[in-house]
């Protein structure tokens, strides 16, 4: 039998009311599906094609069907489903260079890599941009965080296919219609 958990988290965002300074804390519930042993066995891998099509939305929201996802969760509340590492292994290995940082940095279409380090003075972060892969790797080894775009083969699948399956096709295409 499927177990459903509901978590509540507090998210900070600017207050929507005009003239009210500072952040507003919003209480948001997240519905989380824990898979049964049988569902875990039948869980589809994410990013796997069936012929020329990848049913990415169905793979991501399993064990529920996309129709149920749209009716119960889409634009209503956050949704999470769990699965084993095997669930994302095809995506990670085939499109994300098995999460090897050096290969991801070399494959990124980003012109610059954003690096963040915890500030030694006061609180907060210090950030900088670099186009040097070795400098970014050194920053990461020193405890910094990196931001850069995924390799094209991953973003084409994740952004284009998922946007189209969510009915957001305009968000996945350039003005000339190219992905």
C-alpha atoms as a PDB file:
ATOM      1  CA  UNK A   1       0.000   0.000   0.000  1.00  0.00           C
ATOM      2  CA  UNK A   2       1.251   3.484  -0.862  1.00  0.00           C
ATOM      3  CA  UNK A   3       2.259   5.718   2.027  1.00  0.00           C
ATOM      4  CA  UNK A   4       1.650   9.433   1.733  1.00  0.00           C
ATOM      5  CA  UNK A   5       3.423  11.960   3.889  1.00  0.00           C
ATOM      6  CA  UNK A   6       2.698  15.644   4.152  1.00  0.00           C
ATOM      7  CA  UNK A   7       5.508  17.951   5.179  1.00  0.00           C
ATOM      8  CA  UNK A   8       5.195  21.603   5.911  1.00  0.00           C
ATOM      9  CA  UNK A   9       7.988  24.014   5.223  1.00  0.00           C
ATOM     10  CA  UNK A  10       8.347  27.740   5.622  1.00  0.00           C
ATOM     11  CA  UNK A  11       9.541  29.623   2.569  1.00  0.00           C
ATOM     12  CA  UNK A  12      10.598  33.251   2.618  1.00  0.00           C
ATOM     13  CA  UNK A  13       9.591  35.535  -0.208  1.00  0.00           C
ATOM     14  CA  UNK A  14       8.883  39.232  -0.658  1.00  0.00           C
ATOM     15  CA  UNK A  15       5.537  40.186   0.816  1.00  0.00           C
ATOM     16  CA  UNK A  16       2.933  40.671  -1.920  1.00  0.00           C
ATOM     17  CA  UNK A  17       1.195  43.545  -0.120  1.00  0.00           C
ATOM     18  CA  UNK A  18       2.304  46.944  -1.356  1.00  0.00           C
ATOM     19  CA  UNK A  19       4.184  49.022   1.151  1.00  0.00           C
ATOM     20  CA  UNK A  20       5.054  46.096   3.432  1.00  0.00           C
ATOM     21  CA  UNK A  21       8.826  45.834   3.752  1.00  0.00           C
ATOM     22  CA  UNK A  22      10.762  42.640   4.382  1.00  0.00           C
ATOM     23  CA  UNK A  23      10.134  38.971   3.741  1.00  0.00           C
ATOM     24  CA  UNK A  24       6.875  37.201   4.363  1.00  0.00           C
ATOM     25  CA  UNK A  25       6.921  33.626   5.606  1.00  0.00           C
ATOM     26  CA  UNK A  26       4.624  31.330   3.683  1.00  0.00           C
ATOM     27  CA  UNK A  27       3.583  27.952   5.026  1.00  0.00           C
ATOM     28  CA  UNK A  28       3.548  25.434   2.208  1.00  0.00           C
ATOM     29  CA  UNK A  29       2.637  21.765   2.338  1.00  0.00           C
ATOM     30  CA  UNK A  30       4.526  19.241   0.249  1.00  0.00           C
ATOM     31  CA  UNK A  31       2.853  15.958  -0.600  1.00  0.00           C
ATOM     32  CA  UNK A  32       5.409  13.165  -0.694  1.00  0.00           C
ATOM     33  CA  UNK A  33       4.679   9.664  -2.002  1.00  0.00           C
ATOM     34  CA  UNK A  34       6.674   6.782  -0.578  1.00  0.00           C
ATOM     35  CA  UNK A  35       6.658   3.802  -2.909  1.00  0.00           C
ATOM     36  CA  UNK A  36       5.554   0.331  -1.889  1.00  0.00           C
ATOM     37  CA  UNK A  37       7.977  -2.547  -2.509  1.00  0.00           C
ATOM     38  CA  UNK A  38       5.989  -3.543  -5.610  1.00  0.00           C
ATOM     39  CA  UNK A  39       5.955   0.025  -6.967  1.00  0.00           C
ATOM     40  CA  UNK A  40       9.681   0.288  -6.297  1.00  0.00           C
ATOM     41  CA  UNK A  41      10.254  -2.785  -8.505  1.00  0.00           C
ATOM     42  CA  UNK A  42       8.066  -1.418 -11.326  1.00  0.00           C
ATOM     43  CA  UNK A  43       9.350   2.155 -11.088  1.00  0.00           C
ATOM     44  CA  UNK A  44      10.360   3.426 -14.551  1.00  0.00           C
ATOM     45  CA  UNK A  45      13.774   4.951 -15.101  1.00  0.00           C
ATOM     46  CA  UNK A  46      13.763   8.709 -15.695  1.00  0.00           C
ATOM     47  CA  UNK A  47      14.996   9.874 -19.095  1.00  0.00           C
ATOM     48  CA  UNK A  48      14.497   6.583 -20.939  1.00  0.00           C
ATOM     49  CA  UNK A  49      13.040   6.770 -24.441  1.00  0.00           C
ATOM     50  CA  UNK A  50      10.370   4.475 -25.829  1.00  0.00           C
ATOM     51  CA  UNK A  51      11.002   4.735 -29.537  1.00  0.00           C
ATOM     52  CA  UNK A  52      11.393   8.430 -30.373  1.00  0.00           C
ATOM     53  CA  UNK A  53       9.458   9.680 -27.339  1.00  0.00           C
ATOM     54  CA  UNK A  54      10.406  10.051 -23.692  1.00  0.00           C
ATOM     55  CA  UNK A  55       7.412  10.014 -21.347  1.00  0.00           C
ATOM     56  CA  UNK A  56       9.337  12.159 -18.880  1.00  0.00           C
ATOM     57  CA  UNK A  57       6.353  13.499 -16.941  1.00  0.00           C
ATOM     58  CA  UNK A  58       4.964   9.982 -16.416  1.00  0.00           C
ATOM     59  CA  UNK A  59       8.407   8.784 -15.332  1.00  0.00           C
ATOM     60  CA  UNK A  60       8.838  11.651 -12.864  1.00  0.00           C
ATOM     61  CA  UNK A  61       5.400  11.501 -11.225  1.00  0.00           C
ATOM     62  CA  UNK A  62       5.200   7.695 -11.011  1.00  0.00           C
ATOM     63  CA  UNK A  63       3.336   5.957  -9.323  1.00  0.00           C
ATOM     64  CA  UNK A  64       0.516   8.338 -10.186  1.00  0.00           C
ATOM     65  CA  UNK A  65      -0.489   9.019 -13.779  1.00  0.00           C
ATOM     66  CA  UNK A  66       0.085  12.439 -15.371  1.00  0.00           C
ATOM     67  CA  UNK A  67      -3.695  13.002 -15.497  1.00  0.00           C
ATOM     68  CA  UNK A  68      -3.927  12.573 -11.707  1.00  0.00           C
ATOM     69  CA  UNK A  69      -0.856  14.793 -11.242  1.00  0.00           C
ATOM     70  CA  UNK A  70      -2.552  17.619 -13.171  1.00  0.00           C
ATOM     71  CA  UNK A  71      -5.858  17.215 -11.330  1.00  0.00           C
ATOM     72  CA  UNK A  72      -4.481  16.929  -7.781  1.00  0.00           C
ATOM     73  CA  UNK A  73      -1.106  18.692  -7.681  1.00  0.00           C
ATOM     74  CA  UNK A  74      -0.280  20.887 -10.700  1.00  0.00           C
ATOM     75  CA  UNK A  75      -0.261  24.541  -9.598  1.00  0.00           C
ATOM     76  CA  UNK A  76      -1.832  23.540  -6.269  1.00  0.00           C
ATOM     77  CA  UNK A  77       0.977  22.194  -4.110  1.00  0.00           C
ATOM     78  CA  UNK A  78       4.497  20.848  -4.264  1.00  0.00           C
ATOM     79  CA  UNK A  79       4.823  17.142  -5.050  1.00  0.00           C
ATOM     80  CA  UNK A  80       7.653  14.673  -4.437  1.00  0.00           C
ATOM     81  CA  UNK A  81       7.902  10.969  -5.100  1.00  0.00           C
ATOM     82  CA  UNK A  82      10.658   8.663  -3.955  1.00  0.00           C
ATOM     83  CA  UNK A  83      12.533   5.839  -5.594  1.00  0.00           C
ATOM     84  CA  UNK A  84      15.858   4.109  -5.662  1.00  0.00           C
ATOM     85  CA  UNK A  85      19.059   5.436  -7.178  1.00  0.00           C
ATOM     86  CA  UNK A  86      18.322   3.149 -10.136  1.00  0.00           C
ATOM     87  CA  UNK A  87      15.411   5.422 -11.026  1.00  0.00           C
ATOM     88  CA  UNK A  88      17.698   8.200 -12.292  1.00  0.00           C
ATOM     89  CA  UNK A  89      20.732   6.130 -13.310  1.00  0.00           C
ATOM     90  CA  UNK A  90      20.070   6.333 -17.075  1.00  0.00           C
ATOM     91  CA  UNK A  91      19.640  10.109 -16.929  1.00  0.00           C
ATOM     92  CA  UNK A  92      22.716  10.565 -14.737  1.00  0.00           C
ATOM     93  CA  UNK A  93      24.971   8.216 -16.701  1.00  0.00           C
ATOM     94  CA  UNK A  94      23.889   9.035 -20.259  1.00  0.00           C
ATOM     95  CA  UNK A  95      23.197  12.768 -20.060  1.00  0.00           C
ATOM     96  CA  UNK A  96      24.929  14.072 -16.929  1.00  0.00           C
ATOM     97  CA  UNK A  97      28.374  12.451 -17.261  1.00  0.00           C
ATOM     98  CA  UNK A  98      27.724  10.268 -14.180  1.00  0.00           C
ATOM     99  CA  UNK A  99      27.833  13.544 -12.174  1.00  0.00           C
ATOM    100  CA  UNK A 100      31.599  13.864 -12.671  1.00  0.00           C
ATOM    101  CA  UNK A 101      32.146  17.550 -12.022  1.00  0.00           C
ATOM    102  CA  UNK A 102      35.085  18.079 -14.398  1.00  0.00           C
ATOM    103  CA  UNK A 103      33.154  16.531 -17.318  1.00  0.00           C
ATOM    104  CA  UNK A 104      30.044  18.563 -16.471  1.00  0.00           C
ATOM    105  CA  UNK A 105      32.082  21.779 -16.419  1.00  0.00           C
ATOM    106  CA  UNK A 106      33.721  20.939 -19.743  1.00  0.00           C
ATOM    107  CA  UNK A 107      30.327  20.143 -21.317  1.00  0.00           C
ATOM    108  CA  UNK A 108      28.410  23.169 -20.032  1.00  0.00           C
ATOM    109  CA  UNK A 109      27.186  25.692 -22.595  1.00  0.00           C
ATOM    110  CA  UNK A 110      27.564  28.403 -19.906  1.00  0.00           C
ATOM    111  CA  UNK A 111      30.128  31.014 -20.872  1.00  0.00           C
ATOM    112  CA  UNK A 112      31.024  31.508 -17.218  1.00  0.00           C
ATOM    113  CA  UNK A 113      30.736  29.415 -14.071  1.00  0.00           C
ATOM    114  CA  UNK A 114      29.276  31.156 -11.032  1.00  0.00           C
ATOM    115  CA  UNK A 115      31.175  30.399  -7.808  1.00  0.00           C
ATOM    116  CA  UNK A 116      29.963  31.104  -4.271  1.00  0.00           C
ATOM    117  CA  UNK A 117      32.033  30.944  -1.113  1.00  0.00           C
ATOM    118  CA  UNK A 118      30.966  31.566   2.474  1.00  0.00           C
ATOM    119  CA  UNK A 119      32.201  34.976   3.547  1.00  0.00           C
ATOM    120  CA  UNK A 120      34.885  35.004   6.240  1.00  0.00           C
ATOM    121  CA  UNK A 121      33.757  38.476   7.284  1.00  0.00           C
ATOM    122  CA  UNK A 122      30.237  38.712   8.643  1.00  0.00           C
ATOM    123  CA  UNK A 123      27.539  36.462   7.313  1.00  0.00           C
ATOM    124  CA  UNK A 124      26.575  35.750   3.762  1.00  0.00           C
ATOM    125  CA  UNK A 125      28.399  34.705   0.639  1.00  0.00           C
ATOM    126  CA  UNK A 126      30.994  36.088  -1.702  1.00  0.00           C
ATOM    127  CA  UNK A 127      30.586  35.279  -5.366  1.00  0.00           C
ATOM    128  CA  UNK A 128      32.498  35.577  -8.597  1.00  0.00           C
ATOM    129  CA  UNK A 129      32.337  34.286 -12.161  1.00  0.00           C
ATOM    130  CA  UNK A 130      35.052  32.469 -14.042  1.00  0.00           C
ATOM    131  CA  UNK A 131      35.468  30.842 -17.424  1.00  0.00           C
ATOM    132  CA  UNK A 132      38.412  28.822 -16.071  1.00  0.00           C
ATOM    133  CA  UNK A 133      37.402  25.229 -15.310  1.00  0.00           C
ATOM    134  CA  UNK A 134      40.430  24.672 -13.058  1.00  0.00           C
ATOM    135  CA  UNK A 135      39.618  27.771 -10.969  1.00  0.00           C
ATOM    136  CA  UNK A 136      36.021  26.567 -10.567  1.00  0.00           C
ATOM    137  CA  UNK A 137      37.219  23.108  -9.512  1.00  0.00           C
ATOM    138  CA  UNK A 138      39.602  24.680  -6.962  1.00  0.00           C
ATOM    139  CA  UNK A 139      36.724  26.750  -5.587  1.00  0.00           C
ATOM    140  CA  UNK A 140      34.632  23.596  -5.253  1.00  0.00           C
ATOM    141  CA  UNK A 141      37.453  21.686  -3.520  1.00  0.00           C
ATOM    142  CA  UNK A 142      37.700  24.593  -1.044  1.00  0.00           C
ATOM    143  CA  UNK A 143      34.028  24.181  -0.130  1.00  0.00           C
ATOM    144  CA  UNK A 144      32.462  26.561  -2.638  1.00  0.00           C
ATOM    145  CA  UNK A 145      29.285  26.012  -4.594  1.00  0.00           C
ATOM    146  CA  UNK A 146      29.115  26.216  -8.372  1.00  0.00           C
ATOM    147  CA  UNK A 147      26.299  27.170 -10.710  1.00  0.00           C
ATOM    148  CA  UNK A 148      26.381  26.408 -14.422  1.00  0.00           C
ATOM    149  CA  UNK A 149      23.995  25.057 -17.040  1.00  0.00           C
ATOM    150  CA  UNK A 150      23.600  21.343 -17.638  1.00  0.00           C
ATOM    151  CA  UNK A 151      25.050  19.779 -20.786  1.00  0.00           C
ATOM    152  CA  UNK A 152      22.816  20.342 -23.842  1.00  0.00           C
ATOM    153  CA  UNK A 153      21.835  16.669 -24.059  1.00  0.00           C
ATOM    154  CA  UNK A 154      20.387  16.885 -20.532  1.00  0.00           C
ATOM    155  CA  UNK A 155      18.724  20.283 -20.810  1.00  0.00           C
ATOM    156  CA  UNK A 156      17.175  19.440 -24.183  1.00  0.00           C
ATOM    157  CA  UNK A 157      15.446  16.473 -22.592  1.00  0.00           C
ATOM    158  CA  UNK A 158      14.609  18.016 -19.238  1.00  0.00           C
ATOM    159  CA  UNK A 159      13.547  21.460 -20.417  1.00  0.00           C
ATOM    160  CA  UNK A 160      12.101  20.763 -23.858  1.00  0.00           C
ATOM    161  CA  UNK A 161      10.336  17.442 -23.246  1.00  0.00           C
ATOM    162  CA  UNK A 162       9.059  18.291 -19.785  1.00  0.00           C
ATOM    163  CA  UNK A 163       7.862  21.764 -20.831  1.00  0.00           C
ATOM    164  CA  UNK A 164       5.939  20.279 -23.738  1.00  0.00           C
ATOM    165  CA  UNK A 165       4.405  17.543 -21.585  1.00  0.00           C
ATOM    166  CA  UNK A 166       3.358  20.134 -18.999  1.00  0.00           C
ATOM    167  CA  UNK A 167       1.689  22.210 -21.715  1.00  0.00           C
ATOM    168  CA  UNK A 168       4.339  24.929 -21.494  1.00  0.00           C
ATOM    169  CA  UNK A 169       5.659  24.453 -25.012  1.00  0.00           C
ATOM    170  CA  UNK A 170       6.319  28.163 -25.410  1.00  0.00           C
ATOM    171  CA  UNK A 171       8.840  27.941 -22.563  1.00  0.00           C
ATOM    172  CA  UNK A 172      10.878  25.272 -24.301  1.00  0.00           C
ATOM    173  CA  UNK A 173      11.340  26.903 -27.672  1.00  0.00           C
ATOM    174  CA  UNK A 174      13.217  29.859 -29.094  1.00  0.00           C
ATOM    175  CA  UNK A 175      11.167  32.509 -30.945  1.00  0.00           C
ATOM    176  CA  UNK A 176      12.013  30.808 -34.258  1.00  0.00           C
ATOM    177  CA  UNK A 177      10.503  27.530 -32.982  1.00  0.00           C
ATOM    178  CA  UNK A 178      13.832  25.755 -32.457  1.00  0.00           C
ATOM    179  CA  UNK A 179      14.327  23.762 -29.212  1.00  0.00           C
END
